[in-house]
Amino acid sequence: MKNSIVAALAALILAAICSMVGAQEAEKVTLRHNPQKGAKFWLESQSRQNLVYEVPDTGKKMRNGENVGSFWEFEVIATEDDATTYKVTLLRYQQIMLADMQSGKYDSSFPDADENPNKNINHYVVDKSFRLKIDRSGAISEIDASDLRGEVVPELYRPAELTDEDLKDYVEISLKDEMFRGKMEPFFIPFPEHALGVGDKWVSDEVSESGMPFAITTEYEVKSLEDGTISIGYVSSILPDPTRSEYDHNGTLIEHNYEGEQHGTYKFLTKSGILAGLNFSQEVAGYTFATDKDGVETPLQQPVEITSDTRVMYSTTMPEIIPERVKIEMERRAKLEAEKAAGK
């Protein structure tokens, strides 16, 4: 009898140990970007920035506030053994300048009320799509904007002297094809090959491939694993890229010495590797210089200090906060496409 009791206790202890080991093993996940074909989701990014400008040759500084929002639709249109291809659609892009650069007026509260006297520009882009390929490690492998489609729908807030056409040109310049990589980069990070558990760390060295050249070193750390998601904290050091100190901007060579730090937390779905949330803050400081075709270098009136806070939210349904005007325009276009397809 005693032997049977001892055996039963031993079995229970062994089962408990096995259960604990299994639980520990279950808390390790190998992240891979592997969503199913046809999957669709939306990301909303909201960024609030404070910028300090130094006026060349005066020693004076001016402050400016900026609120930038964008809404993106991601649809998986192809899956391969080593990559996923998305159709990415920019549904809305909004940039609100919250200061009058001439008077130096500044509003640090970032109000969105219509009566805000310092609102400068508020614009939208509807149905601007391109193709994005992500490899299984979570890194961007290709962006194809060669057949970029869509058009700008200006909104009401803007300086009185700007026409709809002026505003459209402004938006088109700010959203050139090559800039889409820079706008996608915050949504994806390189996953390590090995399984990850709470407390695990890894380091990534990257070089920005759009706009100003930066060399970025990031240390990641797993903070939690729960409810089908993994939270990853990170700290990035940002320095000028020593191998590419300048870049061509419409025929003018631009050089900078910005450096700083970014820190935040990612959340990914462990099953698919899709971004489920992101919060980060950034501080950078430095100067920008332009060199013309004659080799004359001129300091630019660019921000010498930039601080920002950004939040990215994930949804499996179309965000309701897309303005009614944009919804109406999208419905109108969908109706025209349906009529065209029906031969009407």
Protein backbone atom coordinates (compact mmCIF):
# COMPACT_ATOMS: atom_id res chain seq x y z
CA MET A 1 0.00 0.00 0.00
CA LYS A 2 2.80 2.35 0.99
CA ASN A 3 4.63 1.54 -2.21
CA SER A 4 1.55 2.36 -4.26
CA ILE A 5 1.12 5.67 -2.41
CA VAL A 6 4.78 6.50 -2.96
CA ALA A 7 4.49 5.54 -6.62
CA ALA A 8 1.38 7.69 -6.99
CA LEU A 9 3.12 10.66 -5.34
CA ALA A 10 6.15 10.16 -7.56
CA ALA A 11 3.91 10.12 -10.62
CA LEU A 12 2.21 13.33 -9.51
CA ILE A 13 5.54 15.03 -8.87
CA LEU A 14 6.87 13.87 -12.23
CA ALA A 15 3.72 15.13 -13.97
CA ALA A 16 4.04 18.48 -12.19
CA ILE A 17 7.69 18.78 -13.21
CA CYS A 18 6.84 17.87 -16.80
CA SER A 19 4.03 20.42 -16.76
CA MET A 20 6.39 23.13 -15.46
CA VAL A 21 9.01 22.28 -18.07
CA GLY A 22 6.33 22.35 -20.77
CA ALA A 23 5.11 25.73 -19.55
CA GLN A 24 8.65 27.09 -19.60
CA GLU A 25 9.14 25.78 -23.13
CA ALA A 26 5.81 27.28 -24.20
CA GLU A 27 7.10 30.69 -23.12
CA LYS A 28 9.72 30.56 -25.86
CA VAL A 29 8.59 31.57 -29.35
CA THR A 30 10.38 31.83 -32.67
CA LEU A 31 9.09 34.94 -34.42
CA ARG A 32 8.48 34.74 -38.15
CA HIS A 33 6.56 37.09 -40.41
CA ASN A 34 4.10 34.60 -41.83
CA PRO A 35 0.53 35.94 -42.27
CA GLN A 36 -1.96 34.06 -44.43
CA LYS A 37 -2.79 35.11 -47.98
CA GLY A 38 -5.82 37.38 -48.02
CA ALA A 39 -5.21 38.64 -44.49
CA LYS A 40 -6.06 42.30 -44.08
CA PHE A 41 -5.40 44.73 -41.24
CA TRP A 42 -5.03 48.46 -40.59
CA LEU A 43 -2.36 50.49 -38.80
CA GLU A 44 -2.91 54.00 -37.50
CA SER A 45 0.14 56.09 -36.66
CA GLN A 46 -0.06 59.32 -34.66
CA SER A 47 3.05 61.39 -33.99
CA ARG A 48 3.45 64.61 -32.04
CA GLN A 49 6.67 66.53 -32.54
CA ASN A 50 8.36 69.55 -31.03
CA LEU A 51 10.94 71.20 -33.27
CA VAL A 52 13.45 73.95 -32.50
CA TYR A 53 14.78 75.88 -35.50
CA GLU A 54 17.87 78.09 -35.59
CA VAL A 55 17.66 80.94 -38.09
CA PRO A 56 20.95 81.12 -40.08
CA ASP A 57 23.18 84.13 -39.38
CA THR A 58 20.92 85.48 -36.60
CA GLY A 59 21.54 83.20 -33.62
CA LYS A 60 17.78 83.22 -33.04
CA LYS A 61 15.76 80.07 -32.38
CA MET A 62 12.09 79.42 -33.11
CA ARG A 63 9.90 76.59 -31.89
CA ASN A 64 7.30 74.74 -33.85
CA GLY A 65 4.79 72.00 -33.13
CA GLU A 66 3.65 69.38 -35.60
CA ASN A 67 1.00 66.68 -35.45
CA VAL A 68 1.28 63.96 -38.10
CA GLY A 69 -1.23 61.16 -38.58
CA SER A 70 -1.42 58.37 -41.15
CA PHE A 71 -3.77 55.43 -41.75
CA TRP A 72 -2.55 52.38 -43.66
CA GLU A 73 -4.34 49.34 -45.03
CA PHE A 74 -2.29 46.14 -45.45
CA GLU A 75 -3.56 43.25 -47.57
CA VAL A 76 -1.54 40.08 -48.19
CA ILE A 77 -1.68 39.49 -51.95
CA ALA A 78 1.01 36.78 -52.25
CA THR A 79 2.94 34.38 -50.05
CA GLU A 80 6.15 32.59 -50.95
CA ASP A 81 8.44 30.26 -49.03
CA ASP A 82 10.65 33.12 -47.92
CA ALA A 83 8.49 36.25 -48.09
CA THR A 84 5.06 37.89 -47.94
CA THR A 85 3.89 40.53 -50.42
CA TYR A 86 1.40 43.19 -49.33
CA LYS A 87 -0.66 45.72 -51.16
CA VAL A 88 -0.31 48.74 -48.89
CA THR A 89 -2.77 51.61 -49.23
CA LEU A 90 -2.31 55.00 -47.63
CA LEU A 91 -5.87 55.97 -46.76
CA ARG A 92 -5.12 59.22 -44.98
CA TYR A 93 -2.09 61.40 -44.36
CA GLN A 94 -2.52 64.44 -42.17
CA GLN A 95 0.05 67.03 -41.18
CA ILE A 96 -0.90 69.91 -38.92
CA MET A 97 1.62 72.67 -38.25
CA LEU A 98 0.80 74.26 -34.93
CA ALA A 99 2.85 77.42 -35.10
CA ASP A 100 3.27 80.53 -37.19
CA MET A 101 6.94 80.49 -38.18
CA GLN A 102 6.93 84.21 -38.91
CA SER A 103 5.49 85.38 -35.60
CA GLY A 104 6.98 82.56 -33.55
CA LYS A 105 3.61 81.80 -31.96
CA TYR A 106 3.61 78.30 -30.54
CA ASP A 107 0.97 76.06 -29.04
CA SER A 108 2.38 73.13 -27.06
CA SER A 109 -0.99 71.55 -26.29
CA PHE A 110 -1.49 70.22 -29.86
CA PRO A 111 -5.19 71.14 -29.98
CA ASP A 112 -7.25 69.74 -32.83
CA ALA A 113 -10.16 72.12 -32.33
CA ASP A 114 -11.29 73.99 -35.41
CA GLU A 115 -10.78 77.33 -33.69
CA ASN A 116 -7.03 76.79 -33.24
CA PRO A 117 -5.63 79.98 -34.85
CA ASN A 118 -2.20 78.49 -35.57
CA LYS A 119 -3.28 75.54 -37.69
CA ASN A 120 -1.31 75.74 -40.88
CA ILE A 121 -1.84 72.69 -43.11
CA ASN A 122 -4.20 69.77 -42.85
CA HIS A 123 -4.41 67.46 -45.85
CA TYR A 124 -5.43 63.98 -46.85
CA VAL A 125 -4.38 61.38 -49.35
CA VAL A 126 -6.88 58.77 -50.48
CA ASP A 127 -6.21 55.38 -52.14
CA LYS A 128 -2.46 55.67 -52.71
CA SER A 129 -1.22 52.09 -53.05
CA PHE A 130 2.11 50.30 -53.55
CA ARG A 131 3.58 46.81 -53.09
CA LEU A 132 5.67 45.85 -50.09
CA LYS A 133 7.58 42.59 -49.63
CA ILE A 134 8.60 41.39 -46.14
CA ASP A 135 10.89 38.39 -45.69
CA ARG A 136 10.27 35.76 -43.02
CA SER A 137 12.71 37.45 -40.61
CA GLY A 138 10.46 40.54 -40.55
CA ALA A 139 12.77 42.76 -42.63
CA ILE A 140 11.68 44.87 -45.61
CA SER A 141 13.13 43.27 -48.74
CA GLU A 142 11.41 45.28 -51.48
CA ILE A 143 9.12 48.24 -52.07
CA ASP A 144 7.63 48.65 -55.54
CA ALA A 145 5.89 51.96 -56.07
CA SER A 146 6.35 51.97 -59.85
CA ASP A 147 2.60 51.73 -60.41
CA LEU A 148 1.71 53.98 -57.50
CA ARG A 149 -1.93 54.97 -57.81
CA GLY A 150 -4.25 57.35 -56.08
CA GLU A 151 -4.85 61.02 -55.68
CA VAL A 152 -4.74 63.73 -53.05
CA VAL A 153 -7.92 65.05 -51.46
CA PRO A 154 -7.07 68.39 -49.81
CA GLU A 155 -8.92 69.36 -46.66
CA LEU A 156 -9.99 72.78 -45.48
CA TYR A 157 -7.22 73.97 -43.16
CA ARG A 158 -4.35 75.70 -44.95
CA PRO A 159 -2.92 79.19 -45.51
CA ALA A 160 -5.41 81.23 -47.48
CA GLU A 161 -2.95 81.83 -50.34
CA LEU A 162 -2.63 78.09 -51.09
CA THR A 163 -4.95 76.70 -53.74
CA ASP A 164 -6.09 73.07 -53.94
CA GLU A 165 -3.53 72.51 -56.71
CA ASP A 166 -0.72 74.04 -54.61
CA LEU A 167 -1.65 71.81 -51.72
CA LYS A 168 -1.81 68.74 -53.92
CA ASP A 169 1.69 69.49 -55.25
CA TYR A 170 2.93 69.92 -51.68
CA VAL A 171 1.59 66.53 -50.66
CA GLU A 172 2.94 64.80 -53.76
CA ILE A 173 6.42 66.16 -53.00
CA SER A 174 6.26 65.04 -49.38
CA LEU A 175 5.15 61.53 -50.39
CA LYS A 176 7.58 60.66 -53.16
CA ASP A 177 7.95 56.98 -54.00
CA GLU A 178 11.30 56.57 -52.25
CA MET A 179 9.89 58.01 -49.04
CA PHE A 180 7.53 55.08 -48.55
CA ARG A 181 10.38 52.89 -47.29
CA GLY A 182 11.05 55.39 -44.51
CA LYS A 183 7.37 55.42 -43.61
CA MET A 184 7.22 51.59 -43.48
CA GLU A 185 10.45 51.03 -41.53
CA PRO A 186 8.95 51.70 -38.06
CA PHE A 187 6.37 48.92 -38.59
CA PHE A 188 8.89 46.09 -39.03
CA ILE A 189 11.99 44.88 -37.17
CA PRO A 190 14.44 42.04 -37.89
CA PHE A 191 13.58 38.95 -35.82
CA PRO A 192 16.44 36.71 -34.61
CA GLU A 193 16.63 33.09 -35.81
CA HIS A 194 16.47 31.60 -32.29
CA ALA A 195 13.47 31.21 -29.98
CA LEU A 196 12.75 34.12 -27.63
CA GLY A 197 11.69 34.22 -24.00
CA VAL A 198 11.23 36.97 -21.42
CA GLY A 199 14.54 38.72 -20.74
CA ASP A 200 16.22 37.64 -23.98
CA LYS A 201 18.17 40.36 -25.80
CA TRP A 202 19.68 40.88 -29.23
CA VAL A 203 21.34 43.71 -31.15
CA SER A 204 20.73 44.95 -34.68
CA ASP A 205 22.86 47.32 -36.77
CA GLU A 206 21.09 49.02 -39.67
CA VAL A 207 21.59 51.85 -42.13
CA SER A 208 18.62 53.96 -43.24
CA GLU A 209 17.93 53.66 -46.95
CA SER A 210 15.72 56.70 -47.42
CA GLY A 211 16.22 60.40 -46.88
CA MET A 212 18.95 61.46 -44.49
CA PRO A 213 21.64 58.76 -44.07
CA PHE A 214 21.75 57.35 -40.52
CA ALA A 215 23.57 54.45 -38.87
CA ILE A 216 21.32 52.95 -36.21
CA THR A 217 22.26 50.43 -33.51
CA THR A 218 19.34 48.94 -31.60
CA GLU A 219 19.24 46.69 -28.54
CA TYR A 220 16.00 44.71 -28.15
CA GLU A 221 14.71 42.93 -25.04
CA VAL A 222 11.65 40.70 -24.63
CA LYS A 223 9.46 42.16 -21.88
CA SER A 224 6.48 39.78 -21.88
CA LEU A 225 4.79 36.87 -23.63
CA GLU A 226 1.03 36.66 -23.12
CA ASP A 227 -2.29 36.24 -24.89
CA GLY A 228 -0.71 35.43 -28.23
CA THR A 229 1.50 38.52 -28.27
CA ILE A 230 5.12 39.33 -27.50
CA SER A 231 6.23 42.72 -26.14
CA ILE A 232 9.72 43.86 -27.06
CA GLY A 233 11.37 46.94 -25.58
CA TYR A 234 14.19 48.64 -27.44
CA VAL A 235 16.73 51.48 -27.33
CA SER A 236 18.30 52.83 -30.54
CA SER A 237 21.35 55.06 -30.87
CA ILE A 238 21.15 57.26 -33.98
CA LEU A 239 24.28 58.61 -35.67
CA PRO A 240 25.16 59.95 -39.15
CA ASP A 241 26.07 57.14 -41.54
CA PRO A 242 29.89 57.34 -41.88
CA THR A 243 29.77 55.63 -45.29
CA ARG A 244 27.21 58.01 -46.79
CA SER A 245 27.53 61.47 -45.27
CA GLU A 246 25.34 63.24 -47.82
CA TYR A 247 22.40 62.62 -50.11
CA ASP A 248 21.01 64.24 -53.24
CA HIS A 249 17.80 66.21 -52.76
CA ASN A 250 16.52 67.54 -56.09
CA GLY A 251 20.05 68.31 -57.31
CA THR A 252 21.34 69.74 -54.03
CA LEU A 253 23.71 67.74 -51.83
CA ILE A 254 22.47 67.65 -48.25
CA GLU A 255 24.78 66.77 -45.35
CA HIS A 256 23.84 66.52 -41.69
CA ASN A 257 25.29 65.72 -38.28
CA TYR A 258 22.10 64.77 -36.44
CA GLU A 259 22.43 62.22 -33.64
CA GLY A 260 20.21 61.08 -30.80
CA GLU A 261 18.24 58.22 -29.28
CA GLN A 262 14.92 56.46 -29.74
CA HIS A 263 13.29 54.13 -27.23
CA GLY A 264 9.98 52.33 -27.09
CA THR A 265 8.03 49.08 -27.03
CA TYR A 266 6.81 46.87 -29.86
CA LYS A 267 4.00 44.34 -29.64
CA PHE A 268 3.74 41.56 -32.24
CA LEU A 269 1.28 38.73 -32.81
CA THR A 270 3.34 35.60 -32.14
CA LYS A 271 1.47 33.47 -34.69
CA SER A 272 1.88 35.76 -37.71
CA GLY A 273 4.61 38.25 -36.74
CA ILE A 274 2.28 41.17 -37.55
CA LEU A 275 2.76 44.42 -35.62
CA ALA A 276 0.01 44.75 -33.00
CA GLY A 277 1.14 47.99 -31.36
CA LEU A 278 4.05 50.39 -30.97
CA ASN A 279 4.91 53.33 -28.72
CA PHE A 280 8.18 55.22 -28.95
CA SER A 281 9.87 58.53 -28.13
CA GLN A 282 12.78 60.10 -29.95
CA GLU A 283 15.25 62.92 -29.36
CA VAL A 284 17.74 64.07 -31.99
CA ALA A 285 19.81 67.22 -32.44
CA GLY A 286 22.16 68.55 -35.07
CA TYR A 287 22.53 70.73 -38.14
CA THR A 288 21.90 70.40 -41.87
CA PHE A 289 24.02 71.89 -44.67
CA ALA A 290 23.36 72.22 -48.38
CA THR A 291 26.07 72.28 -51.07
CA ASP A 292 25.13 73.66 -54.47
CA LYS A 293 26.64 72.71 -57.85
CA ASP A 294 29.38 75.33 -57.37
CA GLY A 295 30.46 73.74 -54.10
CA VAL A 296 29.11 76.55 -51.92
CA GLU A 297 27.96 75.24 -48.54
CA THR A 298 25.00 76.91 -46.83
CA PRO A 299 23.46 76.12 -43.43
CA LEU A 300 19.76 75.36 -43.80
CA GLN A 301 16.90 76.53 -41.64
CA GLN A 302 16.20 72.99 -40.47
CA PRO A 303 15.28 71.75 -36.98
CA VAL A 304 18.33 71.68 -34.71
CA GLU A 305 16.42 69.81 -32.00
CA ILE A 306 13.55 67.36 -32.51
CA THR A 307 11.59 65.52 -29.83
CA SER A 308 8.65 63.33 -30.71
CA ASP A 309 6.21 60.78 -29.31
CA THR A 310 4.60 58.25 -31.62
CA ARG A 311 1.88 55.66 -31.17
CA VAL A 312 0.92 52.98 -33.70
CA MET A 313 -2.36 51.08 -33.27
CA TYR A 314 -3.48 47.84 -34.93
CA SER A 315 -7.00 46.97 -36.04
CA THR A 316 -8.68 44.20 -38.01
CA THR A 317 -11.49 46.56 -39.08
CA MET A 318 -11.44 49.82 -41.01
CA PRO A 319 -10.70 52.62 -38.49
CA GLU A 320 -13.80 54.66 -37.82
CA ILE A 321 -11.82 57.86 -37.39
CA ILE A 322 -11.29 58.26 -41.13
CA PRO A 323 -13.12 61.55 -41.90
CA GLU A 324 -16.56 61.43 -43.43
CA ARG A 325 -15.37 63.35 -46.46
CA VAL A 326 -12.73 60.70 -47.16
CA LYS A 327 -15.26 57.88 -46.70
CA ILE A 328 -17.62 59.54 -49.18
CA GLU A 329 -14.80 59.90 -51.70
CA MET A 330 -13.81 56.23 -51.28
CA GLU A 331 -17.41 55.10 -51.73
CA ARG A 332 -17.74 57.25 -54.86
CA ARG A 333 -14.63 55.68 -56.38
CA ALA A 334 -15.72 52.18 -55.47
CA LYS A 335 -19.06 52.81 -57.19
CA LEU A 336 -17.33 54.09 -60.33
CA GLU A 337 -15.05 51.04 -60.40
CA ALA A 338 -18.02 48.71 -60.01
CA GLU A 339 -19.90 50.47 -62.82
CA LYS A 340 -16.82 50.30 -65.04
CA ALA A 341 -16.42 46.59 -64.33
CA ALA A 342 -20.12 46.05 -65.16
CA GLY A 343 -19.67 47.86 -68.47
CA LYS A 344 -21.95 50.76 -67.62
